[in-house]
């Protein structure tokens, strides 16, 4: 019979460092309300485009979709698949999920696409990026986390922006 691993028998390791990956900005194209299901209210939000920019990493968002679920009045759970074209010409697939939490009134405003203040809610995600690019092959091994905010993007149009880090 296997013996459980005891944390006390292993030296404490420092927590992993967060290394800045970049800023992901995306704007929407249209939404498809899917209605109430057994797990909550569902909506499919199609991504129209955007950019990814960071140290040694640039790309264009070419499309994607957010399979948004509202399981509780104070929480949304985005599940996204985003297509990217990296600056080297290679394609990449960014997949992330997370939680958007806030007061019920703020979640209702977000679902209705009414303006909100980023300090009234929190968006946290975990992501992975896959690519065939040799230049950016390190992305295939990166564990990515991020925080987001809804509002005007750097080009002024409405959308969502994520600050992304990889675990070092």
Protein backbone atom coordinates (compact mmCIF):
# COMPACT_ATOMS: atom_id res chain seq x y z
CA UNK A 1 0.00 0.00 0.00
CA UNK A 2 1.33 3.42 -0.97
CA UNK A 3 2.16 5.78 1.86
CA UNK A 4 0.88 9.35 1.64
CA UNK A 5 3.43 12.04 0.96
CA UNK A 6 3.96 14.22 3.98
CA UNK A 7 4.60 17.91 3.28
CA UNK A 8 6.66 18.06 6.47
CA UNK A 9 9.26 15.70 4.93
CA UNK A 10 9.92 18.06 2.04
CA UNK A 11 11.69 21.39 2.38
CA UNK A 12 9.46 24.37 1.84
CA UNK A 13 9.88 25.71 -1.66
CA UNK A 14 9.40 29.37 -2.44
CA UNK A 15 6.22 30.12 -4.38
CA UNK A 16 6.68 30.41 -8.14
CA UNK A 17 7.41 33.86 -9.48
CA UNK A 18 5.03 35.55 -11.87
CA UNK A 19 6.68 36.67 -15.11
CA UNK A 20 4.91 39.32 -17.19
CA UNK A 21 3.59 37.75 -20.40
CA UNK A 22 1.57 40.58 -21.90
CA UNK A 23 -1.70 42.36 -22.45
CA UNK A 24 -4.55 40.63 -24.28
CA UNK A 25 -7.26 42.97 -25.60
CA UNK A 26 -10.38 41.65 -27.34
CA UNK A 27 -13.58 43.12 -28.68
CA UNK A 28 -16.84 41.33 -29.35
CA UNK A 29 -18.63 40.69 -32.59
CA UNK A 30 -22.06 39.44 -31.51
CA UNK A 31 -23.79 37.32 -28.88
CA UNK A 32 -26.08 34.34 -29.08
CA UNK A 33 -28.26 33.91 -25.97
CA UNK A 34 -28.64 30.21 -25.24
CA UNK A 35 -31.09 30.62 -22.35
CA UNK A 36 -31.48 28.96 -18.99
CA UNK A 37 -30.04 25.46 -18.64
CA UNK A 38 -29.55 23.04 -15.77
CA UNK A 39 -26.29 24.77 -14.73
CA UNK A 40 -27.48 28.35 -15.19
CA UNK A 41 -27.93 31.04 -17.82
CA UNK A 42 -25.76 30.54 -20.92
CA UNK A 43 -24.63 32.91 -23.65
CA UNK A 44 -22.18 32.52 -26.51
CA UNK A 45 -20.15 35.68 -27.17
CA UNK A 46 -18.21 35.70 -30.46
CA UNK A 47 -14.84 37.48 -30.43
CA UNK A 48 -14.32 39.92 -33.30
CA UNK A 49 -10.61 40.56 -32.90
CA UNK A 50 -7.94 42.13 -30.76
CA UNK A 51 -4.25 42.02 -29.91
CA UNK A 52 -1.75 40.27 -27.67
CA UNK A 53 1.39 42.23 -26.84
CA UNK A 54 4.23 41.62 -24.44
CA UNK A 55 8.01 41.29 -24.27
CA UNK A 56 9.04 39.25 -27.32
CA UNK A 57 5.42 38.31 -28.01
CA UNK A 58 3.01 39.96 -30.42
CA UNK A 59 -0.08 38.62 -32.05
CA UNK A 60 -3.46 39.38 -33.54
CA UNK A 61 -6.69 37.88 -32.25
CA UNK A 62 -8.37 36.46 -35.36
CA UNK A 63 -11.53 35.11 -33.71
CA UNK A 64 -12.94 32.91 -31.00
CA UNK A 65 -15.83 32.50 -28.65
CA UNK A 66 -16.68 32.80 -24.96
CA UNK A 67 -19.06 30.13 -23.69
CA UNK A 68 -20.33 32.23 -20.80
CA UNK A 69 -22.22 30.62 -17.93
CA UNK A 70 -23.98 32.44 -15.10
CA UNK A 71 -24.36 29.68 -12.48
CA UNK A 72 -25.14 32.11 -9.64
CA UNK A 73 -26.45 35.70 -9.53
CA UNK A 74 -23.06 36.91 -8.26
CA UNK A 75 -20.75 34.90 -10.55
CA UNK A 76 -20.00 34.35 -14.23
CA UNK A 77 -17.70 31.60 -15.51
CA UNK A 78 -16.13 32.35 -18.89
CA UNK A 79 -14.79 29.46 -20.97
CA UNK A 80 -12.91 30.82 -24.00
CA UNK A 81 -11.13 29.55 -27.04
CA UNK A 82 -9.27 32.29 -28.94
CA UNK A 83 -7.39 32.02 -32.26
CA UNK A 84 -4.20 34.05 -32.61
CA UNK A 85 -1.83 34.86 -35.46
CA UNK A 86 1.60 35.46 -33.94
CA UNK A 87 4.05 38.01 -35.33
CA UNK A 88 6.15 35.16 -36.77
CA UNK A 89 3.14 34.12 -38.89
CA UNK A 90 2.33 31.00 -36.86
CA UNK A 91 -1.14 30.28 -35.51
CA UNK A 92 -1.77 29.82 -31.80
CA UNK A 93 -4.71 28.64 -29.74
CA UNK A 94 -5.38 30.37 -26.41
CA UNK A 95 -7.81 28.54 -24.12
CA UNK A 96 -8.85 29.94 -20.77
CA UNK A 97 -11.47 29.70 -18.09
CA UNK A 98 -12.07 31.54 -14.90
CA UNK A 99 -14.45 33.44 -12.67
CA UNK A 100 -15.97 36.88 -12.74
CA UNK A 101 -17.39 37.67 -9.32
CA UNK A 102 -19.21 40.70 -7.99
CA UNK A 103 -22.46 41.90 -6.47
CA UNK A 104 -25.64 40.66 -8.15
CA UNK A 105 -26.44 44.14 -9.50
CA UNK A 106 -23.02 44.41 -11.17
CA UNK A 107 -23.32 40.93 -12.72
CA UNK A 108 -26.76 41.93 -14.05
CA UNK A 109 -25.22 45.09 -15.55
CA UNK A 110 -22.43 43.07 -17.19
CA UNK A 111 -24.92 40.61 -18.69
CA UNK A 112 -26.98 43.54 -20.01
CA UNK A 113 -23.79 45.19 -21.36
CA UNK A 114 -24.27 48.28 -19.21
CA UNK A 115 -21.13 50.15 -18.09
CA UNK A 116 -19.45 48.91 -14.91
CA UNK A 117 -16.43 49.91 -12.88
CA UNK A 118 -13.53 47.41 -12.65
CA UNK A 119 -13.28 47.98 -8.90
CA UNK A 120 -16.82 46.55 -8.52
CA UNK A 121 -15.92 43.05 -9.72
CA UNK A 122 -12.96 40.70 -10.14
CA UNK A 123 -12.04 38.62 -13.19
CA UNK A 124 -9.41 35.89 -12.73
CA UNK A 125 -8.43 33.29 -15.31
CA UNK A 126 -6.07 30.39 -15.94
CA UNK A 127 -4.96 29.78 -19.51
CA UNK A 128 -2.85 27.69 -21.83
CA UNK A 129 -1.44 28.61 -25.22
CA UNK A 130 -0.60 26.08 -27.94
CA UNK A 131 1.38 26.80 -31.10
CA UNK A 132 3.50 25.04 -33.69
CA UNK A 133 5.89 28.01 -33.80
CA UNK A 134 9.47 27.07 -32.98
CA UNK A 135 10.22 30.66 -32.04
CA UNK A 136 7.35 30.70 -29.53
CA UNK A 137 7.46 27.01 -28.59
CA UNK A 138 8.03 27.98 -24.94
CA UNK A 139 4.35 29.01 -24.85
CA UNK A 140 3.36 25.33 -25.03
CA UNK A 141 4.94 24.79 -21.60
CA UNK A 142 3.75 28.01 -19.94
CA UNK A 143 1.23 28.04 -17.12
CA UNK A 144 -0.64 31.32 -17.56
CA UNK A 145 -2.79 33.29 -15.12
CA UNK A 146 -4.49 36.61 -15.58
CA UNK A 147 -6.82 39.28 -14.36
CA UNK A 148 -9.24 41.17 -16.53
CA UNK A 149 -11.35 44.28 -16.82
CA UNK A 150 -14.24 45.29 -19.06
CA UNK A 151 -14.25 48.71 -20.68
CA UNK A 152 -12.61 50.74 -23.42
CA UNK A 153 -9.57 49.14 -25.03
CA UNK A 154 -6.43 51.04 -26.01
CA UNK A 155 -8.06 51.84 -29.39
CA UNK A 156 -11.19 53.20 -27.65
CA UNK A 157 -13.66 50.48 -28.60
CA UNK A 158 -15.48 48.51 -25.88
CA UNK A 159 -14.09 45.12 -24.95
CA UNK A 160 -12.16 43.17 -22.36
CA UNK A 161 -8.48 43.41 -21.46
CA UNK A 162 -6.46 40.78 -19.59
CA UNK A 163 -3.11 41.29 -17.94
CA UNK A 164 -1.33 37.94 -18.30
CA UNK A 165 1.58 36.36 -16.44
CA UNK A 166 3.27 33.00 -16.70
CA UNK A 167 4.49 31.09 -13.71
CA UNK A 168 8.29 31.25 -13.64
